[in-house]
Amino acid sequence: MADPNEFDHVMPDLGAAPQDHSVTEVEENLAARILFSFLIWIMMSFASTIIGFLAILQGIVMLTSGKKPNKRIAGFGTDIGIWFAKSTRYITADSETKPWPWTELD
């Protein structure tokens, strides 16, 4: 079973303490937020394609190396996954923090 606190170091506001997920008003200009959300949604579509290519590439690497995965591919996949999670939180208004490229990539 996955560790529910696996990404706490990159998403500290999702820490182990229970959170109140009450709906609050968005502080950002709504038109700007919709534009950013649309751009992020397009970037997420590209990221999904990249994840698919990484999965195929990692499968080929593991077939040719005796089941040993490439650490760089795995790490890059993890980075994309973390970015994807942050992007999802922003476009669904669970977070006010924009993902990369507006903030640092963790």
C-alpha atoms as a PDB file:
ATOM      1  CA  MET A   1       0.000   0.000   0.000  1.00  0.00           C
ATOM      2  CA  ALA A   2       1.254   3.489  -0.837  1.00  0.00           C
ATOM      3  CA  ASP A   3       2.470   5.797   1.886  1.00  0.00           C
ATOM      4  CA  PRO A   4      -0.122   8.603   2.223  1.00  0.00           C
ATOM      5  CA  ASN A   5       2.616  11.022   3.331  1.00  0.00           C
ATOM      6  CA  GLU A   6       5.037  10.171   0.526  1.00  0.00           C
ATOM      7  CA  PHE A   7       4.987  13.661  -0.988  1.00  0.00           C
ATOM      8  CA  ASP A   8       4.748  15.751   2.176  1.00  0.00           C
ATOM      9  CA  HIS A   9       8.240  17.161   1.566  1.00  0.00           C
ATOM     10  CA  VAL A  10       7.150  18.765  -1.723  1.00  0.00           C
ATOM     11  CA  MET A  11       3.558  19.542  -0.789  1.00  0.00           C
ATOM     12  CA  PRO A  12       3.821  20.532   2.880  1.00  0.00           C
ATOM     13  CA  ASP A  13       0.318  21.992   2.991  1.00  0.00           C
ATOM     14  CA  LEU A  14      -0.945  18.413   2.576  1.00  0.00           C
ATOM     15  CA  GLY A  15       0.720  17.281   5.803  1.00  0.00           C
ATOM     16  CA  ALA A  16      -0.508  14.485   8.020  1.00  0.00           C
ATOM     17  CA  ALA A  17      -2.803  16.773  10.034  1.00  0.00           C
ATOM     18  CA  PRO A  18      -6.428  16.709   8.928  1.00  0.00           C
ATOM     19  CA  GLN A  19      -7.392  19.751   6.929  1.00  0.00           C
ATOM     20  CA  ASP A  20     -10.560  21.732   6.720  1.00  0.00           C
ATOM     21  CA  HIS A  21     -11.476  21.665   3.035  1.00  0.00           C
ATOM     22  CA  SER A  22     -14.073  24.371   3.325  1.00  0.00           C
ATOM     23  CA  VAL A  23     -14.616  26.317   0.142  1.00  0.00           C
ATOM     24  CA  THR A  24     -13.069  29.777   0.172  1.00  0.00           C
ATOM     25  CA  GLU A  25     -13.226  32.555  -2.369  1.00  0.00           C
ATOM     26  CA  VAL A  26     -10.373  32.654  -4.888  1.00  0.00           C
ATOM     27  CA  GLU A  27      -8.133  35.674  -4.277  1.00  0.00           C
ATOM     28  CA  GLU A  28      -6.749  35.875  -7.821  1.00  0.00           C
ATOM     29  CA  ASN A  29      -8.441  37.737 -10.686  1.00  0.00           C
ATOM     30  CA  LEU A  30     -10.944  35.219 -12.049  1.00  0.00           C
ATOM     31  CA  ALA A  31     -10.216  35.933 -15.730  1.00  0.00           C
ATOM     32  CA  ALA A  32      -6.469  35.452 -15.135  1.00  0.00           C
ATOM     33  CA  ARG A  33      -7.110  32.262 -13.195  1.00  0.00           C
ATOM     34  CA  ILE A  34      -9.249  30.846 -16.008  1.00  0.00           C
ATOM     35  CA  LEU A  35      -6.518  31.704 -18.536  1.00  0.00           C
ATOM     36  CA  PHE A  36      -3.803  30.118 -16.372  1.00  0.00           C
ATOM     37  CA  SER A  37      -5.976  27.060 -15.773  1.00  0.00           C
ATOM     38  CA  PHE A  38      -6.506  26.651 -19.521  1.00  0.00           C
ATOM     39  CA  LEU A  39      -2.751  26.927 -20.201  1.00  0.00           C
ATOM     40  CA  ILE A  40      -1.977  24.445 -17.419  1.00  0.00           C
ATOM     41  CA  TRP A  41      -4.612  22.052 -18.785  1.00  0.00           C
ATOM     42  CA  ILE A  42      -2.854  22.124 -22.188  1.00  0.00           C
ATOM     43  CA  MET A  43       0.504  21.526 -20.466  1.00  0.00           C
ATOM     44  CA  MET A  44      -1.038  18.599 -18.574  1.00  0.00           C
ATOM     45  CA  SER A  45      -2.099  17.059 -21.878  1.00  0.00           C
ATOM     46  CA  PHE A  46       1.507  17.218 -23.086  1.00  0.00           C
ATOM     47  CA  ALA A  47       2.697  15.827 -19.742  1.00  0.00           C
ATOM     48  CA  SER A  48       0.371  12.835 -20.123  1.00  0.00           C
ATOM     49  CA  THR A  49       1.952  12.085 -23.491  1.00  0.00           C
ATOM     50  CA  ILE A  50       5.436  12.387 -22.018  1.00  0.00           C
ATOM     51  CA  ILE A  51       4.491  10.002 -19.188  1.00  0.00           C
ATOM     52  CA  GLY A  52       3.324   7.473 -21.778  1.00  0.00           C
ATOM     53  CA  PHE A  53       6.622   7.719 -23.659  1.00  0.00           C
ATOM     54  CA  LEU A  54       8.561   7.397 -20.394  1.00  0.00           C
ATOM     55  CA  ALA A  55       6.604   4.265 -19.493  1.00  0.00           C
ATOM     56  CA  ILE A  56       7.380   2.678 -22.864  1.00  0.00           C
ATOM     57  CA  LEU A  57      11.036   3.722 -22.668  1.00  0.00           C
ATOM     58  CA  GLN A  58      11.379   2.393 -19.111  1.00  0.00           C
ATOM     59  CA  GLY A  59       9.794  -0.893 -20.196  1.00  0.00           C
ATOM     60  CA  ILE A  60      12.342  -1.235 -23.006  1.00  0.00           C
ATOM     61  CA  VAL A  61      15.190  -0.381 -20.632  1.00  0.00           C
ATOM     62  CA  MET A  62      14.014  -2.998 -18.134  1.00  0.00           C
ATOM     63  CA  LEU A  63      13.656  -5.626 -20.871  1.00  0.00           C
ATOM     64  CA  THR A  64      17.200  -5.022 -22.075  1.00  0.00           C
ATOM     65  CA  SER A  65      18.904  -4.583 -18.701  1.00  0.00           C
ATOM     66  CA  GLY A  66      17.598  -7.581 -16.799  1.00  0.00           C
ATOM     67  CA  LYS A  67      14.659  -5.877 -15.022  1.00  0.00           C
ATOM     68  CA  LYS A  68      16.799  -2.971 -13.769  1.00  0.00           C
ATOM     69  CA  PRO A  69      14.980   0.380 -14.217  1.00  0.00           C
ATOM     70  CA  ASN A  70      16.775   3.556 -15.242  1.00  0.00           C
ATOM     71  CA  LYS A  71      16.938   5.910 -12.240  1.00  0.00           C
ATOM     72  CA  ARG A  72      16.917   9.070 -14.363  1.00  0.00           C
ATOM     73  CA  ILE A  73      13.736   8.037 -16.161  1.00  0.00           C
ATOM     74  CA  ALA A  74      12.120   7.063 -12.854  1.00  0.00           C
ATOM     75  CA  GLY A  75      13.151  10.361 -11.239  1.00  0.00           C
ATOM     76  CA  PHE A  76      11.875  12.393 -14.174  1.00  0.00           C
ATOM     77  CA  GLY A  77       8.580  10.497 -13.986  1.00  0.00           C
ATOM     78  CA  THR A  78       8.319  11.340 -10.293  1.00  0.00           C
ATOM     79  CA  ASP A  79       8.992  15.031 -11.013  1.00  0.00           C
ATOM     80  CA  ILE A  80       6.260  15.068 -13.662  1.00  0.00           C
ATOM     81  CA  GLY A  81       3.891  13.313 -11.248  1.00  0.00           C
ATOM     82  CA  ILE A  82       4.488  15.899  -8.525  1.00  0.00           C
ATOM     83  CA  TRP A  83       4.025  18.720 -11.036  1.00  0.00           C
ATOM     84  CA  PHE A  84       0.830  17.051 -12.284  1.00  0.00           C
ATOM     85  CA  ALA A  85      -0.531  16.875  -8.729  1.00  0.00           C
ATOM     86  CA  LYS A  86       0.252  20.548  -8.077  1.00  0.00           C
ATOM     87  CA  SER A  87      -1.320  21.497 -11.407  1.00  0.00           C
ATOM     88  CA  THR A  88      -4.462  19.551 -10.587  1.00  0.00           C
ATOM     89  CA  ARG A  89      -4.739  21.258  -7.224  1.00  0.00           C
ATOM     90  CA  TYR A  90      -4.432  24.688  -8.869  1.00  0.00           C
ATOM     91  CA  ILE A  91      -6.920  24.158 -11.697  1.00  0.00           C
ATOM     92  CA  THR A  92      -9.483  22.636  -9.337  1.00  0.00           C
ATOM     93  CA  ALA A  93      -9.044  25.616  -6.945  1.00  0.00           C
ATOM     94  CA  ASP A  94      -7.678  23.526  -4.077  1.00  0.00           C
ATOM     95  CA  SER A  95      -4.527  25.666  -4.085  1.00  0.00           C
ATOM     96  CA  GLU A  96      -3.669  29.272  -4.892  1.00  0.00           C
ATOM     97  CA  THR A  97      -0.092  28.337  -5.844  1.00  0.00           C
ATOM     98  CA  LYS A  98       0.554  28.061  -9.555  1.00  0.00           C
ATOM     99  CA  PRO A  99       2.796  25.174 -10.628  1.00  0.00           C
ATOM    100  CA  TRP A 100       5.972  25.452 -12.693  1.00  0.00           C
ATOM    101  CA  PRO A 101       6.797  27.587 -14.740  1.00  0.00           C
ATOM    102  CA  TRP A 102       5.313  30.242 -12.440  1.00  0.00           C
ATOM    103  CA  THR A 103       6.983  28.762  -9.364  1.00  0.00           C
ATOM    104  CA  GLU A 104      10.065  26.641  -8.784  1.00  0.00           C
ATOM    105  CA  LEU A 105       9.973  23.015  -9.846  1.00  0.00           C
ATOM    106  CA  ASP A 106      10.588  20.988  -6.677  1.00  0.00           C
END
